Amino acid sequence: MKIVDGPFRLVKAVPYQSWTLVPNKNYDGHKSTLKKIVFDYESSNASEFAGLKTGAINVGYLDLSQYTARSELTSMGDTITPEYAFGYSDTQLNMFPGAKTAKIFDHLYVRQAMQMGIDEDAINKDIYHGYAPPTYGPIPTVPATQFLDPELSKPIYPYNPSKGLALMESHGWKMQNGILVKGSEKMKFVMLYVSGVQAGQDEAELMKQDWAAEGISVTLKPMPISTFITITSNPKQPNSWQMATGLGWDYNGPGYYPTGGELFGTGAPSGFGYSNSEEDKLIAATHQPYTSDTANLHAFWRYENFTAEHLPVLWNNNAATLIVNSANVHGVAKNYDGPDGNVDMQYWSLAK
């Protein structure tokens, strides 16, 4: 027996090709007027853009690397709407126990220098056309929420490769053939990034270029998202990767309180080996009862500020998702909640 209590039910799934949904006749809420919705897999941003342009796809996404070609869609009547997730994007540093990179990345000054080598303003302007506001901690600056401490509306570690290099040199690192070296250790790494997204590749390449000015050599390695997650989330094989960029964390779901227990606490499944006793105490403090909402929020801000400053990951821009829908599909943007990640497709309608 199958029980489906949502507005749609799955009637067909072809692995790596498509999913087909039809309205659930037994749904008690608002019933969809659509006959079916088909989710097609697309191999790249280019193939999705081509589908949007020909009309083969009437609801999809525009990668920000294709933003300059947006008139090819809007001239046909398509609507493009930016939506921001309530979360953060990051560059992950492998600090899993047993990882050869852990003894380097465990040093806060190393993480600070690397953060100083990320030009979030340039990434926002030159790659994402102003749709990827900089983020300076675990809470994004956009969308606006009560959880962002006003102190974190500006960077703790502004882009400054010269200062980052000086910080490394003050701790005994020396430049040799363009790479920082200290004893047997070298600031030379392989960084994974998610393939198929041109803007993400452009961002990784810009970080690589800017880190080189600090004597940090990075070789880029693209891979599919499924492989990326499998490799970086496996602490039992700590030396299968060194750095990774292109994902992050969304605080999706109603009622989700955005503390870092499952992210940055010691032993957290998504912590990539980061561990700090003060971090653990501040996370625990956010789960204690307080006599007022103000006191509760201040406890959260103490956790947030420490986490932003201590860099369990390197903070990256929170890029918008550009939702595209054709002129004959109504209700898409109105019924898409970026911060929650909820899409109420039962309110979509198709014009004849």
Protein backbone atom coordinates (compact mmCIF):
# COMPACT_ATOMS: atom_id res chain seq x y z
CA MET A 1 0.00 0.00 0.00
CA LYS A 2 1.27 3.47 -0.90
CA ILE A 3 0.31 6.56 1.08
CA VAL A 4 0.87 9.97 -0.50
CA ASP A 5 -0.25 13.00 1.49
CA GLY A 6 1.30 15.78 -0.58
CA PRO A 7 -0.12 17.74 -3.51
CA PHE A 8 1.64 15.49 -6.05
CA ARG A 9 2.56 11.85 -6.42
CA LEU A 10 5.42 10.26 -8.30
CA VAL A 11 4.33 8.12 -11.26
CA LYS A 12 7.59 7.61 -13.11
CA ALA A 13 11.31 7.84 -12.38
CA VAL A 14 14.05 7.17 -14.90
CA PRO A 15 17.47 7.22 -13.19
CA TYR A 16 19.60 10.18 -14.33
CA GLN A 17 16.92 11.20 -16.86
CA SER A 18 13.65 12.40 -15.36
CA TRP A 19 10.99 12.30 -12.62
CA THR A 20 7.31 12.67 -13.43
CA LEU A 21 4.74 13.93 -10.91
CA VAL A 22 0.98 14.16 -11.26
CA PRO A 23 -1.55 15.85 -8.94
CA ASN A 24 -2.68 13.81 -5.95
CA LYS A 25 -6.47 13.61 -6.19
CA ASN A 26 -6.72 12.81 -2.48
CA TYR A 27 -4.81 15.88 -1.35
CA ASP A 28 -6.90 17.98 1.06
CA GLY A 29 -5.18 21.27 0.28
CA HIS A 30 -5.08 23.41 -2.84
CA LYS A 31 -5.20 21.09 -5.85
CA SER A 32 -3.00 21.68 -8.85
CA THR A 33 -4.54 22.49 -12.22
CA LEU A 34 -1.53 21.00 -14.03
CA LYS A 35 -1.77 17.56 -15.63
CA LYS A 36 1.82 16.68 -14.76
CA ILE A 37 5.24 18.10 -13.92
CA VAL A 38 8.36 16.52 -15.39
CA PHE A 39 11.76 17.12 -13.81
CA ASP A 40 14.44 16.57 -16.45
CA TYR A 41 18.08 16.05 -15.55
CA GLU A 42 20.37 18.48 -17.37
CA SER A 43 24.05 17.70 -17.85
CA SER A 44 25.24 21.31 -17.83
CA ASN A 45 24.22 24.94 -17.60
CA ALA A 46 24.52 25.17 -21.39
CA SER A 47 22.02 22.38 -22.00
CA GLU A 48 19.55 23.92 -19.55
CA PHE A 49 19.88 27.33 -21.21
CA ALA A 50 19.25 25.74 -24.61
CA GLY A 51 16.13 24.03 -23.24
CA LEU A 52 14.82 27.30 -21.80
CA LYS A 53 15.48 29.10 -25.06
CA THR A 54 13.68 26.54 -27.23
CA GLY A 55 10.78 26.15 -24.79
CA ALA A 56 11.58 22.50 -24.06
CA ILE A 57 12.01 23.67 -20.45
CA ASN A 58 9.54 26.23 -19.11
CA VAL A 59 10.70 26.41 -15.48
CA GLY A 60 14.40 26.23 -14.73
CA TYR A 61 17.51 28.07 -13.65
CA LEU A 62 19.93 30.51 -15.22
CA ASP A 63 23.53 30.10 -14.10
CA LEU A 64 25.06 33.47 -13.30
CA SER A 65 27.88 32.80 -15.76
CA GLN A 66 25.17 33.11 -18.46
CA TYR A 67 23.70 36.32 -17.07
CA THR A 68 24.85 38.49 -19.98
CA ALA A 69 22.73 36.33 -22.31
CA ARG A 70 19.58 36.82 -20.24
CA SER A 71 17.95 38.97 -22.93
CA GLU A 72 17.68 35.86 -25.11
CA LEU A 73 15.17 34.60 -22.55
CA THR A 74 13.49 37.82 -21.41
CA SER A 75 12.88 38.84 -25.04
CA MET A 76 10.62 35.79 -25.31
CA GLY A 77 8.69 36.85 -22.21
CA ASP A 78 10.55 34.73 -19.68
CA THR A 79 10.80 36.06 -16.12
CA ILE A 80 14.04 35.85 -14.10
CA THR A 81 13.82 36.12 -10.31
CA PRO A 82 16.74 35.94 -7.83
CA GLU A 83 16.16 33.84 -4.71
CA TYR A 84 18.63 33.64 -1.81
CA ALA A 85 18.99 30.64 0.47
CA PHE A 86 19.23 31.11 4.23
CA GLY A 87 22.62 29.51 4.61
CA TYR A 88 26.23 29.85 3.56
CA SER A 89 28.66 28.64 0.92
CA ASP A 90 32.13 27.62 1.96
CA THR A 91 35.52 26.21 1.14
CA GLN A 92 36.12 23.12 3.23
CA LEU A 93 39.52 22.33 4.71
CA ASN A 94 40.25 18.71 5.56
CA MET A 95 40.96 18.55 9.27
CA PHE A 96 39.74 14.99 9.77
CA PRO A 97 41.86 13.04 12.27
CA GLY A 98 44.54 11.27 10.28
CA ALA A 99 44.45 13.70 7.35
CA LYS A 100 47.90 14.87 6.34
CA THR A 101 46.52 18.37 5.81
CA ALA A 102 45.10 18.59 9.35
CA LYS A 103 48.39 19.62 10.93
CA ILE A 104 48.46 22.63 8.60
CA PHE A 105 44.79 23.62 8.57
CA ASP A 106 44.47 23.18 12.35
CA HIS A 107 46.43 26.45 12.71
CA LEU A 108 44.04 29.40 12.93
CA TYR A 109 46.59 31.75 11.36
CA VAL A 110 46.69 29.54 8.25
CA ARG A 111 42.92 29.72 7.90
CA GLN A 112 43.03 33.47 8.49
CA ALA A 113 45.62 33.95 5.74
CA MET A 114 43.58 31.85 3.35
CA GLN A 115 40.42 33.83 4.11
CA MET A 116 42.34 37.04 3.37
CA GLY A 117 43.04 35.58 -0.06
CA ILE A 118 39.35 35.31 -1.04
CA ASP A 119 38.14 38.45 -2.81
CA GLU A 120 34.42 38.22 -2.09
CA ASP A 121 33.69 41.67 -3.50
CA ALA A 122 35.29 40.79 -6.86
CA ILE A 123 33.54 37.42 -6.91
CA ASN A 124 30.20 39.16 -6.35
CA LYS A 125 30.78 41.83 -8.98
CA ASP A 126 32.75 40.06 -11.70
CA ILE A 127 31.31 36.54 -11.58
CA TYR A 128 27.84 36.85 -10.09
CA HIS A 129 26.82 40.32 -11.36
CA GLY A 130 25.93 41.54 -7.88
CA TYR A 131 23.76 38.51 -7.04
CA ALA A 132 26.22 36.90 -4.61
CA PRO A 133 26.62 39.16 -1.57
CA PRO A 134 29.70 38.45 0.57
CA THR A 135 29.24 36.34 3.69
CA TYR A 136 31.49 36.74 6.72
CA GLY A 137 30.26 33.97 8.98
CA PRO A 138 27.70 31.19 9.39
CA ILE A 139 24.76 33.55 8.82
CA PRO A 140 24.40 35.22 5.40
CA THR A 141 24.11 38.97 4.97
CA VAL A 142 21.27 38.35 2.46
CA PRO A 143 18.47 37.45 3.04
CA ALA A 144 18.12 39.73 6.05
CA THR A 145 17.33 37.90 9.29
CA GLN A 146 17.46 38.61 13.02
CA PHE A 147 20.24 36.03 13.32
CA LEU A 148 22.87 38.19 11.64
CA ASP A 149 24.85 40.12 14.24
CA PRO A 150 25.21 43.67 12.86
CA GLU A 151 28.94 43.38 13.59
CA LEU A 152 29.15 40.74 10.84
CA SER A 153 27.75 42.94 8.12
CA LYS A 154 31.39 43.74 7.33
CA PRO A 155 34.38 41.39 6.99
CA ILE A 156 36.56 40.30 9.89
CA TYR A 157 39.28 39.35 7.42
CA PRO A 158 39.08 41.77 4.47
CA TYR A 159 40.69 40.70 1.21
CA ASN A 160 44.39 41.44 1.60
CA PRO A 161 46.85 38.89 0.13
CA SER A 162 49.86 40.95 1.23
CA LYS A 163 48.69 40.86 4.85
CA GLY A 164 47.93 37.16 4.54
CA LEU A 165 51.44 36.46 3.25
CA ALA A 166 52.99 38.55 6.03
CA LEU A 167 50.97 36.59 8.61
CA MET A 168 52.29 33.29 7.25
CA GLU A 169 55.86 34.58 7.18
CA SER A 170 55.54 35.79 10.79
CA HIS A 171 54.94 32.15 11.73
CA GLY A 172 58.09 30.91 10.03
CA TRP A 173 56.89 30.13 6.52
CA LYS A 174 59.28 31.10 3.72
CA MET A 175 58.69 31.55 0.01
CA GLN A 176 60.47 29.04 -2.22
CA ASN A 177 59.79 29.05 -5.95
CA GLY A 178 56.50 30.84 -5.39
CA ILE A 179 55.24 28.43 -2.68
CA LEU A 180 55.32 28.87 1.09
CA VAL A 181 57.40 26.21 2.81
CA LYS A 182 58.03 25.44 6.48
CA GLY A 183 60.25 22.45 7.18
CA SER A 184 58.74 19.51 5.29
CA GLU A 185 55.36 21.23 4.92
CA LYS A 186 54.23 23.06 1.79
CA MET A 187 51.20 25.25 1.13
CA LYS A 188 50.38 23.19 -1.94
CA PHE A 189 46.98 21.52 -2.24
CA VAL A 190 44.43 19.98 -4.58
CA MET A 191 41.00 21.61 -4.33
CA LEU A 192 37.88 19.79 -5.48
CA TYR A 193 34.99 21.75 -6.94
CA VAL A 194 31.58 20.77 -8.29
CA SER A 195 31.63 20.35 -12.06
CA GLY A 196 28.96 21.51 -14.50
CA VAL A 197 28.47 25.01 -13.05
CA GLN A 198 30.51 27.62 -14.90
CA ALA A 199 30.16 30.33 -12.24
CA GLY A 200 31.46 27.92 -9.60
CA GLN A 201 34.43 27.07 -11.79
CA ASP A 202 35.14 30.77 -12.35
CA GLU A 203 35.03 31.37 -8.60
CA ALA A 204 37.44 28.50 -7.92
CA GLU A 205 39.84 29.81 -10.55
CA LEU A 206 39.78 33.32 -9.06
CA MET A 207 40.53 31.96 -5.58
CA LYS A 208 43.39 29.90 -7.00
CA GLN A 209 44.80 33.01 -8.69
CA ASP A 210 44.57 35.17 -5.56
CA TRP A 211 46.00 32.51 -3.25
CA ALA A 212 49.03 32.26 -5.53
CA ALA A 213 49.90 35.82 -4.48
CA GLU A 214 50.17 34.51 -0.92
CA GLY A 215 52.39 31.59 -1.88
CA ILE A 216 49.51 29.11 -1.66
CA SER A 217 49.49 26.78 -4.66
CA VAL A 218 46.16 25.16 -5.52
CA THR A 219 45.43 22.63 -8.25
CA LEU A 220 41.76 22.48 -9.22
CA LYS A 221 39.94 19.18 -9.70
CA PRO A 222 36.31 19.15 -10.90
CA MET A 223 33.94 16.30 -10.11
CA PRO A 224 30.19 15.53 -10.07
CA ILE A 225 28.36 16.63 -6.96
CA SER A 226 27.53 13.07 -5.87
CA THR A 227 31.20 12.07 -5.96
CA PHE A 228 32.20 15.34 -4.30
CA ILE A 229 29.91 14.72 -1.31
CA THR A 230 30.89 11.06 -0.99
CA ILE A 231 34.58 11.90 -0.80
CA THR A 232 34.46 14.92 1.49
CA SER A 233 32.00 13.44 3.99
CA ASN A 234 33.93 10.23 4.70
CA PRO A 235 36.20 10.57 7.77
CA LYS A 236 37.23 6.92 7.39
CA GLN A 237 39.29 7.88 4.33
CA PRO A 238 40.80 11.15 5.54
CA ASN A 239 43.47 11.43 2.86
CA SER A 240 41.19 11.13 -0.16
CA TRP A 241 40.92 14.93 -0.41
CA GLN A 242 42.55 18.14 0.87
CA MET A 243 40.30 21.11 0.07
CA ALA A 244 36.86 21.43 -1.52
CA THR A 245 34.65 24.30 -2.65
CA GLY A 246 31.28 24.79 -4.28
CA LEU A 247 28.78 23.70 -1.64
CA GLY A 248 27.76 24.85 1.82
CA TRP A 249 24.79 24.57 4.14
CA ASP A 250 21.18 25.71 3.97
CA TYR A 251 19.19 26.18 7.18
CA ASN A 252 16.13 24.92 5.36
CA GLY A 253 12.87 24.01 6.95
CA PRO A 254 10.40 25.83 9.17
CA GLY A 255 11.56 26.15 12.75
CA TYR A 256 15.18 25.25 12.02
CA TYR A 257 17.35 27.10 14.51
CA PRO A 258 20.68 27.87 12.80
CA THR A 259 23.16 26.90 15.51
CA GLY A 260 26.25 24.91 14.66
CA GLY A 261 25.95 21.71 16.66
CA GLU A 262 25.75 19.48 13.61
CA LEU A 263 28.20 21.65 11.71
CA PHE A 264 31.03 22.90 13.89
CA GLY A 265 30.76 21.01 17.17
CA THR A 266 33.43 18.43 17.93
CA GLY A 267 32.60 15.26 16.05
CA ALA A 268 29.90 16.95 13.97
CA PRO A 269 29.14 14.95 10.81
CA SER A 270 29.56 18.03 8.62
CA GLY A 271 32.52 19.53 10.45
CA PHE A 272 35.35 18.08 8.33
CA GLY A 273 37.34 17.41 11.50
CA TYR A 274 37.20 20.90 13.00
CA SER A 275 37.20 20.84 16.82
CA ASN A 276 37.43 23.58 19.42
CA SER A 277 36.34 23.43 23.07
CA GLU A 278 35.26 27.09 23.16
CA GLU A 279 33.14 26.52 20.06
CA ASP A 280 31.48 23.57 21.78
CA LYS A 281 30.67 25.69 24.86
CA LEU A 282 29.18 28.51 22.78
CA ILE A 283 27.05 26.11 20.75
CA ALA A 284 25.79 24.50 23.97
CA ALA A 285 24.93 27.95 25.34
CA THR A 286 22.58 28.60 22.41
CA HIS A 287 20.46 25.64 23.51
CA GLN A 288 19.95 26.88 27.07
CA PRO A 289 16.73 28.56 28.23
CA TYR A 290 16.86 32.33 28.67
CA THR A 291 14.51 34.80 30.31
CA SER A 292 14.05 36.87 27.14
CA ASP A 293 14.37 36.68 23.38
CA THR A 294 17.06 39.35 23.58
CA ALA A 295 19.22 37.26 25.91
CA ASN A 296 18.67 34.24 23.68
CA LEU A 297 19.73 36.19 20.61
CA HIS A 298 22.84 37.56 22.31
CA ALA A 299 23.89 34.01 23.19
CA PHE A 300 23.46 33.14 19.54
CA TRP A 301 25.50 36.13 18.45
CA ARG A 302 28.37 35.09 20.76
CA TYR A 303 28.43 31.71 19.01
CA GLU A 304 28.11 33.36 15.60
CA ASN A 305 30.96 35.82 16.16
CA PHE A 306 33.37 33.19 17.46
CA THR A 307 32.56 30.90 14.55
CA ALA A 308 33.00 33.71 12.02
CA GLU A 309 36.36 34.63 13.53
CA HIS A 310 37.62 31.09 14.08
CA LEU A 311 36.95 29.87 10.53
CA PRO A 312 35.96 26.21 10.81
CA VAL A 313 35.49 26.65 7.05
CA LEU A 314 36.43 29.52 4.73
CA TRP A 315 33.44 31.74 4.03
CA ASN A 316 32.31 32.24 0.44
CA ASN A 317 29.63 34.35 -1.25
CA ASN A 318 25.95 33.39 -0.91
CA ALA A 319 25.00 33.29 -4.57
CA ALA A 320 21.39 33.70 -5.59
CA THR A 321 19.51 31.13 -7.60
CA LEU A 322 18.04 32.75 -10.69
CA ILE A 323 14.64 31.18 -11.27
CA VAL A 324 13.46 31.31 -14.87
CA ASN A 325 9.89 30.69 -15.96
CA SER A 326 8.28 31.11 -19.34
CA ALA A 327 5.47 33.57 -19.93
CA ASN A 328 2.79 30.87 -19.97
CA VAL A 329 3.63 29.51 -16.50
CA HIS A 330 2.22 31.59 -13.65
CA GLY A 331 2.83 31.61 -9.89
CA VAL A 332 6.40 30.31 -9.92
CA ALA A 333 8.26 33.16 -8.22
CA LYS A 334 5.32 34.01 -5.95
CA ASN A 335 5.27 30.47 -4.57
CA TYR A 336 9.02 29.93 -4.24
CA ASP A 337 10.46 30.62 -0.78
CA GLY A 338 14.23 30.89 -1.16
CA PRO A 339 15.13 31.09 2.55
CA ASP A 340 13.03 28.03 3.39
CA GLY A 341 13.74 26.21 0.15
CA ASN A 342 10.02 25.46 -0.27
CA VAL A 343 8.34 25.38 -3.68
CA ASP A 344 4.54 25.23 -3.66
CA MET A 345 4.07 23.87 -7.16
CA GLN A 346 0.37 23.19 -6.59
CA TYR A 347 -0.16 26.93 -7.07
CA TRP A 348 1.48 27.00 -10.49
CA SER A 349 -0.79 27.35 -13.48
CA LEU A 350 -0.30 27.00 -17.20
CA ALA A 351 -1.89 29.45 -19.62
CA LYS A 352 -3.49 27.99 -22.72
